[in-house]
N, C-alpha and C. Protein backbone atom coordinates (compact mmCIF):
# COMPACT_ATOMS: atom_id res chain seq x y z
N MET A 1 0.86 -1.04 0.01
CA MET A 1 -0.03 0.02 -0.03
C MET A 1 0.86 1.18 0.01
N THR A 2 0.54 2.18 -0.94
CA THR A 2 1.22 3.39 -0.92
C THR A 2 0.62 4.44 0.04
N ASN A 3 1.63 5.06 0.74
CA ASN A 3 1.02 6.26 1.71
C ASN A 3 1.73 7.56 1.51
N ARG A 4 1.01 8.60 1.43
CA ARG A 4 1.66 9.82 1.23
C ARG A 4 1.83 10.57 2.57
N THR A 5 3.14 10.83 2.90
CA THR A 5 3.64 11.40 4.25
C THR A 5 4.33 12.48 3.91
N LYS A 6 4.61 13.43 4.95
CA LYS A 6 5.27 14.62 4.98
C LYS A 6 6.47 14.61 5.94
N VAL A 7 7.66 15.00 5.58
CA VAL A 7 8.78 15.18 6.23
C VAL A 7 9.21 16.54 6.36
N LYS A 8 9.46 16.94 7.54
CA LYS A 8 9.78 18.46 7.73
C LYS A 8 11.12 18.43 8.33
N ASP A 9 11.83 19.38 7.87
CA ASP A 9 13.31 19.66 8.22
C ASP A 9 13.13 20.52 9.46
N ALA A 10 13.44 19.93 10.75
CA ALA A 10 13.40 20.67 12.06
C ALA A 10 14.21 22.02 11.93
N ASP A 11 15.21 22.01 11.10
CA ASP A 11 16.31 23.20 11.34
C ASP A 11 15.64 24.37 10.43
N THR A 12 15.00 24.11 9.36
CA THR A 12 14.52 25.05 8.71
C THR A 12 13.03 25.40 8.41
N GLY A 13 12.27 24.26 8.93
CA GLY A 13 10.77 24.39 8.90
C GLY A 13 10.19 23.87 7.39
N HIS A 14 11.17 23.74 6.51
CA HIS A 14 10.74 23.22 5.04
C HIS A 14 10.33 21.80 5.11
N ALA A 15 9.25 21.49 4.31
CA ALA A 15 8.77 20.03 4.29
C ALA A 15 8.71 19.52 2.93
N ILE A 16 8.76 18.30 2.92
CA ILE A 16 8.53 17.76 1.62
C ILE A 16 7.57 16.51 1.64
N ALA A 17 6.87 16.34 0.45
CA ALA A 17 5.78 15.23 0.61
C ALA A 17 6.49 14.02 -0.16
N MET A 18 6.28 12.72 0.47
CA MET A 18 6.91 11.65 -0.12
C MET A 18 5.82 10.56 -0.13
N ASP A 19 5.91 9.62 -1.24
CA ASP A 19 5.14 8.47 -1.26
C ASP A 19 5.96 7.32 -0.80
N VAL A 20 5.54 6.49 0.15
CA VAL A 20 6.25 5.50 0.84
C VAL A 20 5.49 4.34 0.90
N GLU A 21 5.89 3.09 0.76
CA GLU A 21 5.19 1.74 1.03
C GLU A 21 5.19 1.55 2.47
N ASP A 22 4.34 0.61 2.87
CA ASP A 22 4.44 0.14 4.36
C ASP A 22 5.73 -0.56 4.78
N ASP A 23 6.23 -1.19 3.66
CA ASP A 23 7.51 -1.99 3.89
C ASP A 23 8.73 -1.02 3.67
N THR A 24 8.70 0.30 3.49
CA THR A 24 9.89 1.06 3.13
C THR A 24 10.51 1.35 4.57
N LEU A 25 11.69 1.09 4.75
CA LEU A 25 12.45 1.38 6.03
C LEU A 25 12.58 2.82 6.31
N ILE A 26 12.57 2.99 7.67
CA ILE A 26 12.59 4.47 8.02
C ILE A 26 13.96 4.92 7.49
N GLU A 27 15.03 4.10 7.69
CA GLU A 27 16.25 4.52 7.24
C GLU A 27 16.26 5.03 5.74
N GLU A 28 15.49 4.51 4.87
CA GLU A 28 15.34 5.04 3.43
C GLU A 28 14.68 6.38 3.40
N ILE A 29 13.70 6.61 4.32
CA ILE A 29 13.10 7.91 4.33
C ILE A 29 14.06 8.86 4.76
N ILE A 30 14.73 8.56 5.81
CA ILE A 30 15.75 9.48 6.32
C ILE A 30 16.86 9.77 5.26
N GLU A 31 17.29 8.82 4.38
CA GLU A 31 18.42 8.87 3.50
C GLU A 31 17.86 9.95 2.25
N SER A 32 16.40 9.60 1.80
CA SER A 32 15.83 10.43 0.99
C SER A 32 15.73 11.88 1.23
N ALA A 33 15.28 12.19 2.51
CA ALA A 33 15.07 13.70 3.07
C ALA A 33 16.42 14.34 3.28
N ALA A 34 17.34 13.44 3.77
CA ALA A 34 18.76 13.99 3.99
C ALA A 34 19.25 14.44 2.75
N ALA A 35 19.22 13.56 1.65
CA ALA A 35 19.77 13.86 0.25
C ALA A 35 19.16 15.06 -0.16
N TYR A 36 17.83 15.05 -0.03
CA TYR A 36 17.18 16.43 -0.63
C TYR A 36 17.71 17.66 0.00
N TRP A 37 17.79 17.66 1.37
CA TRP A 37 18.45 18.84 2.02
C TRP A 37 19.91 18.94 2.09
N GLU A 38 20.57 18.03 1.59
CA GLU A 38 21.99 17.90 1.52
C GLU A 38 22.56 17.85 3.03
N LYS A 39 22.02 16.78 3.68
CA LYS A 39 22.58 16.62 4.95
C LYS A 39 23.11 15.16 5.29
N ASP A 40 23.88 14.99 6.27
CA ASP A 40 24.41 13.56 6.44
C ASP A 40 23.27 12.83 7.07
N PRO A 41 22.85 11.77 6.25
CA PRO A 41 21.86 10.94 6.86
C PRO A 41 22.22 10.26 7.96
N GLY A 42 23.45 9.87 8.40
CA GLY A 42 23.76 9.32 9.51
C GLY A 42 23.77 10.03 10.85
N ALA A 43 23.55 11.32 10.68
CA ALA A 43 23.56 12.11 11.92
C ALA A 43 22.05 12.50 12.36
N TYR A 44 21.09 12.00 11.50
CA TYR A 44 19.70 12.37 11.74
C TYR A 44 18.78 11.17 12.02
N VAL A 45 17.61 11.39 12.66
CA VAL A 45 16.50 10.33 12.88
C VAL A 45 15.30 11.13 12.59
N LEU A 46 14.15 10.41 12.55
CA LEU A 46 12.81 10.92 12.24
C LEU A 46 12.14 10.91 13.80
N ARG A 47 11.22 11.98 13.81
CA ARG A 47 10.46 12.02 15.04
C ARG A 47 8.99 12.34 14.72
N VAL A 48 8.29 11.58 15.31
CA VAL A 48 6.73 11.74 15.14
C VAL A 48 6.20 11.92 16.57
N GLY A 49 5.77 13.20 16.86
CA GLY A 49 5.26 13.54 18.20
C GLY A 49 6.45 13.43 19.06
N ASP A 50 6.37 12.53 20.03
CA ASP A 50 7.37 12.42 21.17
C ASP A 50 8.27 11.01 20.89
N ARG A 51 7.92 10.23 19.66
CA ARG A 51 8.69 9.06 19.49
C ARG A 51 9.82 9.34 18.39
N ILE A 52 10.80 8.74 18.72
CA ILE A 52 11.98 8.62 17.79
C ILE A 52 11.84 7.28 17.04
N LEU A 53 11.91 7.53 15.65
CA LEU A 53 11.84 6.44 14.71
C LEU A 53 13.32 6.10 14.24
N ARG A 54 13.80 4.81 14.61
CA ARG A 54 15.12 4.33 14.10
C ARG A 54 15.02 3.68 12.77
N GLY A 55 16.24 3.65 12.16
CA GLY A 55 16.39 3.28 10.87
C GLY A 55 15.68 1.92 10.43
N SER A 56 15.90 0.94 11.27
CA SER A 56 15.48 -0.44 10.92
C SER A 56 14.20 -0.87 10.75
N MET A 57 13.29 0.13 11.38
CA MET A 57 11.91 -0.02 11.44
C MET A 57 11.26 0.37 10.09
N THR A 58 10.04 -0.46 9.78
CA THR A 58 9.50 0.00 8.40
C THR A 58 8.38 1.10 8.80
N PHE A 59 7.98 1.64 7.72
CA PHE A 59 6.83 2.69 7.67
C PHE A 59 5.62 2.12 8.41
N GLY A 60 5.29 0.83 7.89
CA GLY A 60 4.09 0.13 8.53
C GLY A 60 4.32 -0.21 9.93
N GLN A 61 5.40 -0.60 10.54
CA GLN A 61 5.76 -0.83 11.77
C GLN A 61 5.59 0.46 12.75
N ALA A 62 5.85 1.47 12.10
CA ALA A 62 6.05 2.93 12.82
C ALA A 62 4.54 3.32 13.26
N LEU A 63 3.47 2.74 12.66
CA LEU A 63 2.09 3.09 12.95
C LEU A 63 1.96 4.59 12.83
N ILE A 64 2.30 5.18 11.75
CA ILE A 64 2.23 6.72 11.54
C ILE A 64 0.66 6.93 11.13
N ALA A 65 -0.03 7.71 11.80
CA ALA A 65 -1.50 8.01 11.55
C ALA A 65 -1.38 8.91 10.32
N ALA A 66 -2.53 8.76 9.56
CA ALA A 66 -2.73 9.73 8.56
C ALA A 66 -2.65 11.13 9.03
N GLY A 67 -2.03 12.10 8.46
CA GLY A 67 -1.86 13.42 8.83
C GLY A 67 -0.73 13.78 9.66
N ASP A 68 -0.11 12.52 10.37
CA ASP A 68 1.07 12.90 11.13
C ASP A 68 2.19 13.28 10.36
N GLU A 69 3.02 14.28 10.97
CA GLU A 69 4.23 14.84 10.26
C GLU A 69 5.55 14.07 10.83
N MET A 70 6.24 13.59 10.11
CA MET A 70 7.67 13.15 10.47
C MET A 70 8.57 14.43 10.30
N GLU A 71 9.43 14.52 11.46
CA GLU A 71 10.34 15.59 11.54
C GLU A 71 11.82 14.91 11.53
N LEU A 72 12.50 15.67 10.69
CA LEU A 72 14.11 15.21 10.53
C LEU A 72 14.81 15.95 11.50
N ILE A 73 15.38 15.34 12.40
CA ILE A 73 16.02 16.08 13.59
C ILE A 73 17.48 15.49 13.86
N PRO A 74 18.48 16.18 14.30
CA PRO A 74 19.61 15.73 14.63
C PRO A 74 19.52 14.42 15.71
N ASP A 75 20.29 13.42 15.47
CA ASP A 75 20.13 12.24 16.45
C ASP A 75 20.60 12.56 17.73
N PRO A 76 19.59 12.61 18.70
CA PRO A 76 19.98 13.05 20.23
C PRO A 76 20.98 12.18 20.64
N GLU A 77 21.24 11.04 20.17
CA GLU A 77 22.46 10.23 20.77
C GLU A 77 23.66 10.34 19.97
N GLY A 78 23.61 11.13 18.97
CA GLY A 78 25.00 11.41 18.25
C GLY A 78 24.73 10.51 17.05
N GLY A 79 25.36 10.75 15.81
CA GLY A 79 25.32 10.02 14.60
C GLY A 79 26.52 9.99 13.95
């Protein structure tokens, strides 16, 4: 199933829309967004609300609700 989601750059507030499948890895979403904004993908994670999404999880496993915005943030544990 294809899902339309939005990823926001926490540094600038800019956002991009992405089409992802349920089996798309969070790591792939981070890599795509980081490449778009010319950032180091290894230094970032995605946040939805108060949850940090790690790379090995799939979009489907993350249980992201329709309308939820993912935010690309610097990895709080260092990257």
